[in-house]
Amino acid sequence: MARYTAVLILLLTAGCASVAPVPAAAQPPVAATQPAAPKPAAAPAKPATPPTAPRVAATRATATPPAVAPRIPAATPVAVPTATAAPLDLNALEAQLRATKAIGVFTKISLKNQVDDLMKQFREHYGGKATRTMSDLRRSYDLLIMKVLSLLQDHDQMLASAIVSSREAIWGLLSDQAKFANL
């Protein structure tokens, strides 16, 4: 489960990358220091100091300009396209699973039995009869989904994608007792 999640996160973040990462050997070491003061710009010419004023004081005053924080441009907000979830159609997903050639007949029967067992465990959990916790049920659900995805990923990528995009919506139906009762 952790590997699947890590791979999924890696793939999602890889698509968002716009700059190639810098190898660790080429990166400068990070030091916890204060940022360097900006280099002083050429000071405007000042009128000559009167002959009675000491020159040392005048050079010190012009040598250290007042500390000015560097201007950092404000980050412009980037419009992130949001994926609108299509309405969940469990009947269509079930029909696609039954029709796919990526899974053999006996494997489909085995998967149906596993789905029925999981549904029975949810009914027992909500009926107060089971000792399985919701996290145990989530683990069983995730394992079943991963098994289906592993069977589909090479031969029916469209259906695998539809299942991945519906995964959390299906869990939302199963984990809510009122919604589960309507299934």
N, C-alpha and C. Protein backbone atom coordinates (compact mmCIF):
# COMPACT_ATOMS: atom_id res chain seq x y z
N MET A 1 0.84 -1.19 0.00
CA MET A 1 0.00 0.00 0.00
C MET A 1 0.88 1.24 0.00
N ALA A 2 1.90 1.24 0.86
CA ALA A 2 2.78 2.41 0.94
C ALA A 2 3.52 2.63 -0.37
N ARG A 3 3.92 1.54 -1.01
CA ARG A 3 4.62 1.69 -2.28
C ARG A 3 3.70 2.27 -3.34
N TYR A 4 2.46 1.79 -3.37
CA TYR A 4 1.50 2.30 -4.35
C TYR A 4 1.27 3.78 -4.14
N THR A 5 1.08 4.17 -2.89
CA THR A 5 0.86 5.57 -2.58
C THR A 5 2.08 6.40 -2.95
N ALA A 6 3.27 5.89 -2.64
CA ALA A 6 4.50 6.62 -2.94
C ALA A 6 4.67 6.78 -4.45
N VAL A 7 4.38 5.72 -5.21
CA VAL A 7 4.50 5.80 -6.66
C VAL A 7 3.48 6.77 -7.22
N LEU A 8 2.26 6.74 -6.69
CA LEU A 8 1.22 7.65 -7.16
C LEU A 8 1.60 9.10 -6.88
N ILE A 9 2.11 9.38 -5.69
CA ILE A 9 2.53 10.74 -5.35
C ILE A 9 3.69 11.16 -6.23
N LEU A 10 4.63 10.24 -6.45
CA LEU A 10 5.78 10.55 -7.30
C LEU A 10 5.33 10.90 -8.71
N LEU A 11 4.39 10.13 -9.26
CA LEU A 11 3.91 10.41 -10.60
C LEU A 11 3.17 11.73 -10.67
N LEU A 12 2.37 12.03 -9.65
CA LEU A 12 1.63 13.29 -9.65
C LEU A 12 2.57 14.48 -9.55
N THR A 13 3.58 14.37 -8.69
CA THR A 13 4.50 15.49 -8.54
C THR A 13 5.45 15.60 -9.72
N ALA A 14 5.74 14.50 -10.39
CA ALA A 14 6.63 14.57 -11.54
C ALA A 14 5.97 15.35 -12.67
N GLY A 15 4.67 15.25 -12.78
CA GLY A 15 3.97 16.00 -13.82
C GLY A 15 3.95 17.49 -13.53
N CYS A 16 4.10 17.87 -12.27
CA CYS A 16 4.06 19.28 -11.89
C CYS A 16 5.44 19.94 -11.97
N ALA A 17 6.47 19.15 -12.10
CA ALA A 17 7.83 19.72 -12.10
C ALA A 17 8.07 20.49 -13.39
N SER A 18 8.70 21.66 -13.24
CA SER A 18 8.99 22.45 -14.43
C SER A 18 10.49 22.64 -14.61
N VAL A 19 11.28 22.26 -13.64
CA VAL A 19 12.72 22.43 -13.70
C VAL A 19 13.35 21.11 -13.30
N ALA A 20 14.39 20.71 -14.02
CA ALA A 20 15.08 19.48 -13.67
C ALA A 20 15.76 19.65 -12.32
N PRO A 21 15.70 18.63 -11.45
CA PRO A 21 16.32 18.76 -10.14
C PRO A 21 17.84 18.82 -10.25
N VAL A 22 18.45 19.55 -9.34
CA VAL A 22 19.89 19.68 -9.31
C VAL A 22 20.44 18.50 -8.53
N PRO A 23 21.46 17.80 -9.07
CA PRO A 23 22.03 16.68 -8.33
C PRO A 23 22.57 17.15 -6.98
N ALA A 24 22.52 16.26 -6.01
CA ALA A 24 22.93 16.61 -4.65
C ALA A 24 24.39 17.05 -4.60
N ALA A 25 25.24 16.46 -5.44
CA ALA A 25 26.65 16.82 -5.44
C ALA A 25 26.86 18.25 -5.93
N ALA A 26 25.99 18.74 -6.80
CA ALA A 26 26.15 20.06 -7.38
C ALA A 26 25.52 21.16 -6.53
N GLN A 27 24.75 20.77 -5.53
CA GLN A 27 24.09 21.77 -4.70
C GLN A 27 25.06 22.32 -3.67
N PRO A 28 25.04 23.62 -3.43
CA PRO A 28 25.91 24.19 -2.41
C PRO A 28 25.38 23.81 -1.03
N PRO A 29 26.27 23.71 -0.05
CA PRO A 29 25.81 23.36 1.29
C PRO A 29 24.92 24.47 1.84
N VAL A 30 23.93 24.08 2.60
CA VAL A 30 22.99 25.03 3.17
C VAL A 30 23.52 25.43 4.54
N ALA A 31 23.67 26.71 4.76
CA ALA A 31 24.15 27.21 6.04
C ALA A 31 23.08 28.09 6.64
N ALA A 32 22.96 28.03 7.95
CA ALA A 32 21.95 28.83 8.64
C ALA A 32 22.55 30.19 8.95
N THR A 33 22.63 31.03 7.94
CA THR A 33 23.17 32.36 8.13
C THR A 33 22.15 33.37 7.68
N GLN A 34 22.40 34.61 8.01
CA GLN A 34 21.52 35.67 7.57
C GLN A 34 21.85 36.01 6.13
N PRO A 35 20.85 36.46 5.38
CA PRO A 35 21.13 36.79 3.99
C PRO A 35 22.14 37.93 3.88
N ALA A 36 22.94 37.84 2.85
CA ALA A 36 23.97 38.86 2.65
C ALA A 36 23.30 40.19 2.30
N ALA A 37 23.92 41.23 2.76
CA ALA A 37 23.40 42.57 2.45
C ALA A 37 23.63 42.85 0.98
N PRO A 38 22.72 43.53 0.33
CA PRO A 38 22.92 43.82 -1.09
C PRO A 38 24.12 44.73 -1.30
N LYS A 39 24.77 44.54 -2.43
CA LYS A 39 25.94 45.36 -2.73
C LYS A 39 25.49 46.80 -2.91
N PRO A 40 26.24 47.73 -2.34
CA PRO A 40 25.82 49.13 -2.44
C PRO A 40 25.98 49.62 -3.87
N ALA A 41 25.01 50.39 -4.27
CA ALA A 41 25.08 51.01 -5.59
C ALA A 41 25.99 52.23 -5.48
N ALA A 42 26.41 52.70 -6.62
CA ALA A 42 27.29 53.87 -6.61
C ALA A 42 26.54 55.03 -5.96
N ALA A 43 27.18 55.61 -4.97
CA ALA A 43 26.55 56.70 -4.24
C ALA A 43 26.58 57.96 -5.10
N PRO A 44 25.54 58.76 -5.04
CA PRO A 44 25.56 60.00 -5.82
C PRO A 44 26.67 60.92 -5.30
N ALA A 45 27.21 61.69 -6.22
CA ALA A 45 28.31 62.59 -5.85
C ALA A 45 27.82 63.59 -4.82
N LYS A 46 28.61 63.72 -3.76
CA LYS A 46 28.27 64.67 -2.70
C LYS A 46 29.16 65.89 -2.85
N PRO A 47 28.65 66.99 -2.42
CA PRO A 47 29.49 68.18 -2.48
C PRO A 47 30.71 68.00 -1.59
N ALA A 48 31.75 68.64 -1.95
CA ALA A 48 32.99 68.53 -1.19
C ALA A 48 32.74 69.01 0.24
N THR A 49 33.37 68.34 1.16
CA THR A 49 33.22 68.71 2.57
C THR A 49 34.04 69.95 2.86
N PRO A 50 33.56 70.76 3.75
CA PRO A 50 34.34 71.96 4.08
C PRO A 50 35.71 71.57 4.62
N PRO A 51 36.72 72.42 4.44
CA PRO A 51 38.06 72.07 4.85
C PRO A 51 38.17 71.84 6.35
N THR A 52 37.25 72.32 7.16
CA THR A 52 37.37 72.13 8.59
C THR A 52 36.80 70.80 9.03
N ALA A 53 35.98 70.12 8.20
CA ALA A 53 35.39 68.85 8.61
C ALA A 53 36.40 67.73 8.39
N PRO A 54 36.46 66.83 9.31
CA PRO A 54 37.41 65.72 9.14
C PRO A 54 36.94 64.80 8.00
N ARG A 55 37.90 64.36 7.18
CA ARG A 55 37.59 63.52 6.02
C ARG A 55 37.24 62.10 6.46
N VAL A 56 37.70 61.67 7.57
CA VAL A 56 37.43 60.30 8.02
C VAL A 56 35.94 60.11 8.25
N ALA A 57 35.30 61.06 8.86
CA ALA A 57 33.87 60.94 9.14
C ALA A 57 33.07 60.91 7.85
N ALA A 58 33.49 61.68 6.86
CA ALA A 58 32.77 61.72 5.60
C ALA A 58 32.90 60.39 4.85
N THR A 59 34.06 59.78 4.88
CA THR A 59 34.22 58.52 4.17
C THR A 59 33.48 57.40 4.88
N ARG A 60 33.39 57.42 6.16
CA ARG A 60 32.64 56.39 6.88
C ARG A 60 31.15 56.51 6.57
N ALA A 61 30.67 57.71 6.47
CA ALA A 61 29.25 57.90 6.22
C ALA A 61 28.87 57.42 4.83
N THR A 62 29.75 57.58 3.86
CA THR A 62 29.42 57.15 2.51
C THR A 62 29.78 55.69 2.28
N ALA A 63 30.65 55.11 3.10
CA ALA A 63 31.08 53.73 2.90
C ALA A 63 30.00 52.74 3.30
N THR A 64 29.19 53.06 4.26
CA THR A 64 28.17 52.11 4.70
C THR A 64 26.79 52.69 4.43
N PRO A 65 26.18 52.28 3.35
CA PRO A 65 24.84 52.78 3.07
C PRO A 65 23.84 52.16 4.04
N PRO A 66 22.73 52.78 4.21
CA PRO A 66 21.74 52.21 5.12
C PRO A 66 21.28 50.85 4.61
N ALA A 67 21.02 49.94 5.55
CA ALA A 67 20.60 48.59 5.18
C ALA A 67 19.19 48.65 4.61
N VAL A 68 19.06 48.18 3.40
CA VAL A 68 17.77 48.17 2.73
C VAL A 68 17.46 46.72 2.38
N ALA A 69 16.30 46.27 2.75
CA ALA A 69 15.91 44.90 2.43
C ALA A 69 15.72 44.79 0.93
N PRO A 70 16.23 43.71 0.33
CA PRO A 70 16.06 43.55 -1.11
C PRO A 70 14.58 43.38 -1.44
N ARG A 71 14.18 43.92 -2.56
CA ARG A 71 12.78 43.81 -2.98
C ARG A 71 12.56 42.45 -3.61
N ILE A 72 11.60 41.78 -3.09
CA ILE A 72 11.24 40.47 -3.63
C ILE A 72 9.89 40.63 -4.31
N PRO A 73 9.83 40.30 -5.58
CA PRO A 73 8.56 40.46 -6.27
C PRO A 73 7.51 39.53 -5.67
N ALA A 74 6.32 40.03 -5.56
CA ALA A 74 5.23 39.23 -5.01
C ALA A 74 4.93 38.09 -5.98
N ALA A 75 4.68 36.94 -5.41
CA ALA A 75 4.37 35.78 -6.24
C ALA A 75 2.98 35.95 -6.83
N THR A 76 2.92 35.75 -8.11
CA THR A 76 1.62 35.84 -8.75
C THR A 76 0.91 34.51 -8.61
N PRO A 77 -0.35 34.53 -8.26
CA PRO A 77 -1.06 33.26 -8.10
C PRO A 77 -1.19 32.55 -9.44
N VAL A 78 -0.96 31.26 -9.39
CA VAL A 78 -1.04 30.45 -10.59
C VAL A 78 -2.37 29.72 -10.58
N ALA A 79 -3.08 29.80 -11.65
CA ALA A 79 -4.36 29.11 -11.74
C ALA A 79 -4.10 27.62 -11.90
N VAL A 80 -4.56 26.85 -10.94
CA VAL A 80 -4.38 25.40 -10.97
C VAL A 80 -5.69 24.80 -11.47
N PRO A 81 -5.62 24.05 -12.54
CA PRO A 81 -6.85 23.45 -13.04
C PRO A 81 -7.32 22.38 -12.06
N THR A 82 -8.57 22.45 -11.70
CA THR A 82 -9.12 21.47 -10.78
C THR A 82 -9.87 20.44 -11.58
N ALA A 83 -9.62 19.21 -11.25
CA ALA A 83 -10.30 18.13 -11.93
C ALA A 83 -11.67 17.95 -11.31
N THR A 84 -12.68 18.13 -12.10
CA THR A 84 -14.02 17.93 -11.59
C THR A 84 -14.33 16.45 -11.69
N ALA A 85 -14.71 15.89 -10.58
CA ALA A 85 -14.98 14.46 -10.54
C ALA A 85 -16.30 14.16 -11.26
N ALA A 86 -16.23 13.21 -12.13
CA ALA A 86 -17.44 12.78 -12.81
C ALA A 86 -18.33 12.06 -11.80
N PRO A 87 -19.61 12.12 -11.98
CA PRO A 87 -20.48 11.42 -11.04
C PRO A 87 -20.16 9.93 -11.04
N LEU A 88 -20.17 9.35 -9.85
CA LEU A 88 -19.82 7.95 -9.68
C LEU A 88 -20.96 7.08 -10.18
N ASP A 89 -20.65 6.18 -11.09
CA ASP A 89 -21.64 5.24 -11.62
C ASP A 89 -21.13 3.84 -11.35
N LEU A 90 -21.54 3.29 -10.21
CA LEU A 90 -21.08 1.96 -9.83
C LEU A 90 -21.55 0.89 -10.82
N ASN A 91 -22.75 1.05 -11.32
CA ASN A 91 -23.27 0.06 -12.27
C ASN A 91 -22.44 0.04 -13.55
N ALA A 92 -22.02 1.20 -14.02
CA ALA A 92 -21.19 1.26 -15.24
C ALA A 92 -19.83 0.63 -14.98
N LEU A 93 -19.23 0.91 -13.81
CA LEU A 93 -17.94 0.29 -13.49
C LEU A 93 -18.07 -1.22 -13.39
N GLU A 94 -19.15 -1.69 -12.78
CA GLU A 94 -19.36 -3.13 -12.66
C GLU A 94 -19.53 -3.76 -14.04
N ALA A 95 -20.29 -3.10 -14.91
CA ALA A 95 -20.49 -3.61 -16.27
C ALA A 95 -19.17 -3.65 -17.05
N GLN A 96 -18.34 -2.61 -16.87
CA GLN A 96 -17.04 -2.59 -17.55
C GLN A 96 -16.13 -3.70 -17.02
N LEU A 97 -16.18 -3.94 -15.72
CA LEU A 97 -15.37 -5.02 -15.15
C LEU A 97 -15.82 -6.38 -15.68
N ARG A 98 -17.13 -6.56 -15.79
CA ARG A 98 -17.64 -7.84 -16.32
C ARG A 98 -17.26 -8.01 -17.79
N ALA A 99 -17.22 -6.93 -18.55
CA ALA A 99 -16.98 -7.01 -19.99
C ALA A 99 -15.50 -7.04 -20.37
N THR A 100 -14.62 -6.62 -19.50
CA THR A 100 -13.21 -6.51 -19.88
C THR A 100 -12.60 -7.87 -20.17
N LYS A 101 -11.72 -7.87 -21.14
CA LYS A 101 -11.00 -9.09 -21.52
C LYS A 101 -9.67 -9.19 -20.76
N ALA A 102 -9.35 -8.16 -19.98
CA ALA A 102 -8.08 -8.14 -19.25
C ALA A 102 -8.08 -9.11 -18.08
N ILE A 103 -9.27 -9.50 -17.61
CA ILE A 103 -9.37 -10.41 -16.47
C ILE A 103 -10.10 -11.66 -16.94
N GLY A 104 -9.54 -12.81 -16.58
CA GLY A 104 -10.14 -14.08 -16.96
C GLY A 104 -11.43 -14.36 -16.19
N VAL A 105 -12.18 -15.33 -16.67
CA VAL A 105 -13.49 -15.66 -16.09
C VAL A 105 -13.35 -16.11 -14.64
N PHE A 106 -12.42 -17.01 -14.37
CA PHE A 106 -12.28 -17.53 -13.01
C PHE A 106 -11.77 -16.44 -12.06
N THR A 107 -10.95 -15.56 -12.55
CA THR A 107 -10.46 -14.45 -11.73
C THR A 107 -11.61 -13.50 -11.43
N LYS A 108 -12.49 -13.27 -12.39
CA LYS A 108 -13.65 -12.42 -12.15
C LYS A 108 -14.56 -13.03 -11.08
N ILE A 109 -14.74 -14.33 -11.11
CA ILE A 109 -15.55 -15.00 -10.08
C ILE A 109 -14.89 -14.85 -8.72
N SER A 110 -13.58 -15.01 -8.67
CA SER A 110 -12.85 -14.84 -7.41
C SER A 110 -12.98 -13.42 -6.88
N LEU A 111 -12.85 -12.44 -7.77
CA LEU A 111 -13.00 -11.04 -7.36
C LEU A 111 -14.40 -10.75 -6.85
N LYS A 112 -15.42 -11.31 -7.52
CA LYS A 112 -16.80 -11.10 -7.07
C LYS A 112 -16.99 -11.66 -5.67
N ASN A 113 -16.41 -12.83 -5.40
CA ASN A 113 -16.51 -13.41 -4.06
C ASN A 113 -15.82 -12.53 -3.02
N GLN A 114 -14.68 -11.96 -3.39
CA GLN A 114 -13.97 -11.08 -2.46
C GLN A 114 -14.76 -9.80 -2.19
N VAL A 115 -15.41 -9.26 -3.22
CA VAL A 115 -16.25 -8.08 -3.04
C VAL A 115 -17.42 -8.42 -2.12
N ASP A 116 -18.04 -9.56 -2.36
CA ASP A 116 -19.15 -9.98 -1.50
C ASP A 116 -18.71 -10.15 -0.06
N ASP A 117 -17.54 -10.72 0.16
CA ASP A 117 -17.01 -10.88 1.52
C ASP A 117 -16.77 -9.52 2.18
N LEU A 118 -16.23 -8.58 1.41
CA LEU A 118 -15.98 -7.25 1.96
C LEU A 118 -17.29 -6.55 2.32
N MET A 119 -18.28 -6.67 1.46
CA MET A 119 -19.59 -6.08 1.74
C MET A 119 -20.21 -6.71 3.00
N LYS A 120 -20.03 -8.00 3.16
CA LYS A 120 -20.53 -8.69 4.36
C LYS A 120 -19.83 -8.16 5.61
N GLN A 121 -18.53 -7.91 5.50
CA GLN A 121 -17.78 -7.37 6.65
C GLN A 121 -18.28 -5.97 7.00
N PHE A 122 -18.60 -5.17 6.00
CA PHE A 122 -19.16 -3.83 6.27
C PHE A 122 -20.52 -3.95 6.95
N ARG A 123 -21.37 -4.86 6.46
CA ARG A 123 -22.69 -5.04 7.08
C ARG A 123 -22.54 -5.46 8.53
N GLU A 124 -21.61 -6.36 8.81
CA GLU A 124 -21.38 -6.81 10.19
C GLU A 124 -20.84 -5.67 11.04
N HIS A 125 -19.95 -4.87 10.47
CA HIS A 125 -19.38 -3.74 11.22
C HIS A 125 -20.48 -2.75 11.61
N TYR A 126 -21.34 -2.41 10.64
CA TYR A 126 -22.40 -1.45 10.93
C TYR A 126 -23.50 -2.06 11.80
N GLY A 127 -23.62 -3.37 11.77
CA GLY A 127 -24.60 -4.04 12.63
C GLY A 127 -24.10 -4.26 14.04
N GLY A 128 -22.83 -3.94 14.29
CA GLY A 128 -22.24 -4.10 15.62
C GLY A 128 -21.84 -5.53 15.92
N LYS A 129 -21.79 -6.40 14.93
CA LYS A 129 -21.46 -7.81 15.14
C LYS A 129 -19.98 -8.11 14.96
N ALA A 130 -19.28 -7.27 14.24
CA ALA A 130 -17.90 -7.58 13.86
C ALA A 130 -16.90 -6.95 14.81
N THR A 131 -15.74 -7.55 14.87
CA THR A 131 -14.64 -6.99 15.65
C THR A 131 -13.68 -6.20 14.78
N ARG A 132 -13.94 -6.17 13.48
CA ARG A 132 -13.06 -5.44 12.56
C ARG A 132 -13.32 -3.96 12.67
N THR A 133 -12.24 -3.21 12.73
CA THR A 133 -12.36 -1.75 12.81
C THR A 133 -12.46 -1.17 11.40
N MET A 134 -12.76 0.10 11.34
CA MET A 134 -12.87 0.77 10.05
C MET A 134 -11.51 0.78 9.35
N SER A 135 -10.42 0.90 10.11
CA SER A 135 -9.09 0.87 9.48
C SER A 135 -8.79 -0.51 8.90
N ASP A 136 -9.27 -1.58 9.55
CA ASP A 136 -9.12 -2.93 8.98
C ASP A 136 -9.91 -3.05 7.68
N LEU A 137 -11.10 -2.50 7.68
CA LEU A 137 -11.92 -2.54 6.48
C LEU A 137 -11.29 -1.72 5.36
N ARG A 138 -10.70 -0.59 5.70
CA ARG A 138 -10.03 0.24 4.69
C ARG A 138 -8.85 -0.51 4.08
N ARG A 139 -8.12 -1.22 4.93
CA ARG A 139 -6.97 -1.99 4.44
C ARG A 139 -7.45 -3.08 3.48
N SER A 140 -8.52 -3.77 3.83
CA SER A 140 -9.07 -4.81 2.95
C SER A 140 -9.55 -4.21 1.63
N TYR A 141 -10.20 -3.06 1.72
CA TYR A 141 -10.68 -2.37 0.52
C TYR A 141 -9.51 -1.98 -0.37
N ASP A 142 -8.48 -1.38 0.23
CA ASP A 142 -7.32 -0.95 -0.56
C ASP A 142 -6.63 -2.14 -1.23
N LEU A 143 -6.51 -3.25 -0.51
CA LEU A 143 -5.88 -4.44 -1.10
C LEU A 143 -6.69 -4.97 -2.28
N LEU A 144 -8.00 -4.97 -2.14
CA LEU A 144 -8.86 -5.43 -3.22
C LEU A 144 -8.75 -4.52 -4.44
N ILE A 145 -8.76 -3.22 -4.21
CA ILE A 145 -8.62 -2.27 -5.32
C ILE A 145 -7.26 -2.44 -6.00
N MET A 146 -6.21 -2.60 -5.20
CA MET A 146 -4.87 -2.79 -5.79
C MET A 146 -4.80 -4.07 -6.61
N LYS A 147 -5.48 -5.11 -6.15
CA LYS A 147 -5.48 -6.37 -6.90
C LYS A 147 -6.17 -6.16 -8.25
N VAL A 148 -7.32 -5.50 -8.25
CA VAL A 148 -8.04 -5.23 -9.50
C VAL A 148 -7.19 -4.37 -10.43
N LEU A 149 -6.56 -3.35 -9.87
CA LEU A 149 -5.72 -2.47 -10.70
C LEU A 149 -4.53 -3.21 -11.28
N SER A 150 -3.93 -4.11 -10.50
CA SER A 150 -2.79 -4.86 -11.03
C SER A 150 -3.21 -5.78 -12.17
N LEU A 151 -4.45 -6.26 -12.12
CA LEU A 151 -4.95 -7.11 -13.21
C LEU A 151 -5.26 -6.30 -14.46
N LEU A 152 -5.67 -5.05 -14.27
CA LEU A 152 -6.11 -4.22 -15.39
C LEU A 152 -5.01 -3.36 -16.01
N GLN A 153 -4.00 -3.01 -15.25
CA GLN A 153 -3.08 -1.95 -15.64
C GLN A 153 -2.41 -2.14 -16.99
N ASP A 154 -2.14 -3.35 -17.39
CA ASP A 154 -1.44 -3.56 -18.66
C ASP A 154 -2.38 -3.76 -19.84
N HIS A 155 -3.60 -4.22 -19.59
CA HIS A 155 -4.46 -4.61 -20.70
C HIS A 155 -5.71 -3.75 -20.86
N ASP A 156 -6.13 -3.04 -19.82
CA ASP A 156 -7.31 -2.18 -19.92
C ASP A 156 -7.05 -0.92 -19.09
N GLN A 157 -6.20 -0.05 -19.64
CA GLN A 157 -5.77 1.13 -18.90
C GLN A 157 -6.90 2.13 -18.68
N MET A 158 -7.85 2.20 -19.58
CA MET A 158 -8.99 3.11 -19.42
C MET A 158 -9.82 2.72 -18.20
N LEU A 159 -10.10 1.44 -18.05
CA LEU A 159 -10.88 0.97 -16.90
C LEU A 159 -10.08 1.14 -15.61
N ALA A 160 -8.78 0.87 -15.67
CA ALA A 160 -7.94 1.07 -14.49
C ALA A 160 -7.95 2.54 -14.07
N SER A 161 -7.89 3.44 -15.03
CA SER A 161 -7.94 4.86 -14.73
C SER A 161 -9.29 5.26 -14.12
N ALA A 162 -10.37 4.69 -14.64
CA ALA A 162 -11.70 4.99 -14.10
C ALA A 162 -11.82 4.50 -12.66
N ILE A 163 -11.22 3.36 -12.36
CA ILE A 163 -11.27 2.83 -11.00
C ILE A 163 -10.43 3.69 -10.06
N VAL A 164 -9.27 4.11 -10.52
CA VAL A 164 -8.41 4.96 -9.69
C VAL A 164 -9.13 6.27 -9.37
N SER A 165 -9.77 6.86 -10.36
CA SER A 165 -10.45 8.13 -10.13
C SER A 165 -11.70 7.96 -9.26
N SER A 166 -12.27 6.76 -9.21
CA SER A 166 -13.47 6.52 -8.40
C SER A 166 -13.15 5.93 -7.04
N ARG A 167 -11.91 5.65 -6.78
CA ARG A 167 -11.50 4.93 -5.57
C ARG A 167 -11.99 5.60 -4.29
N GLU A 168 -11.73 6.88 -4.14
CA GLU A 168 -12.13 7.58 -2.90
C GLU A 168 -13.64 7.77 -2.83
N ALA A 169 -14.29 7.95 -3.96
CA ALA A 169 -15.74 8.09 -3.96
C ALA A 169 -16.41 6.79 -3.52
N ILE A 170 -15.88 5.68 -3.98
CA ILE A 170 -16.41 4.37 -3.56
C ILE A 170 -16.19 4.18 -2.07
N TRP A 171 -14.98 4.53 -1.60
CA TRP A 171 -14.72 4.41 -0.16
C TRP A 171 -15.66 5.31 0.62
N GLY A 172 -15.96 6.48 0.12
CA GLY A 172 -16.90 7.38 0.79
C GLY A 172 -18.27 6.74 0.95
N LEU A 173 -18.71 5.98 -0.05
CA LEU A 173 -19.99 5.27 0.06
C LEU A 173 -19.93 4.15 1.08
N LEU A 174 -18.82 3.43 1.08
CA LEU A 174 -18.70 2.29 1.99
C LEU A 174 -18.50 2.72 3.44
N SER A 175 -17.78 3.80 3.64
CA SER A 175 -17.44 4.20 5.02
C SER A 175 -18.54 5.01 5.70
N ASP A 176 -19.54 5.45 4.97
CA ASP A 176 -20.66 6.20 5.55
C ASP A 176 -21.82 5.22 5.72
N GLN A 177 -22.23 5.03 6.96
CA GLN A 177 -23.25 4.02 7.25
C GLN A 177 -24.57 4.33 6.54
N ALA A 178 -24.98 5.58 6.47
CA ALA A 178 -26.24 5.94 5.80
C ALA A 178 -26.15 5.67 4.30
N LYS A 179 -25.01 6.04 3.67
CA LYS A 179 -24.85 5.80 2.24
C LYS A 179 -24.73 4.31 1.95
N PHE A 180 -24.06 3.59 2.85
CA PHE A 180 -23.90 2.14 2.66
C PHE A 180 -25.26 1.45 2.70
N ALA A 181 -26.14 1.92 3.55
CA ALA A 181 -27.47 1.31 3.66
C ALA A 181 -28.26 1.45 2.36
N ASN A 182 -27.97 2.49 1.59
CA ASN A 182 -28.68 2.70 0.32
C ASN A 182 -28.08 1.94 -0.85
N LEU A 183 -26.95 1.28 -0.66
CA LEU A 183 -26.33 0.52 -1.76
C LEU A 183 -27.11 -0.74 -2.07
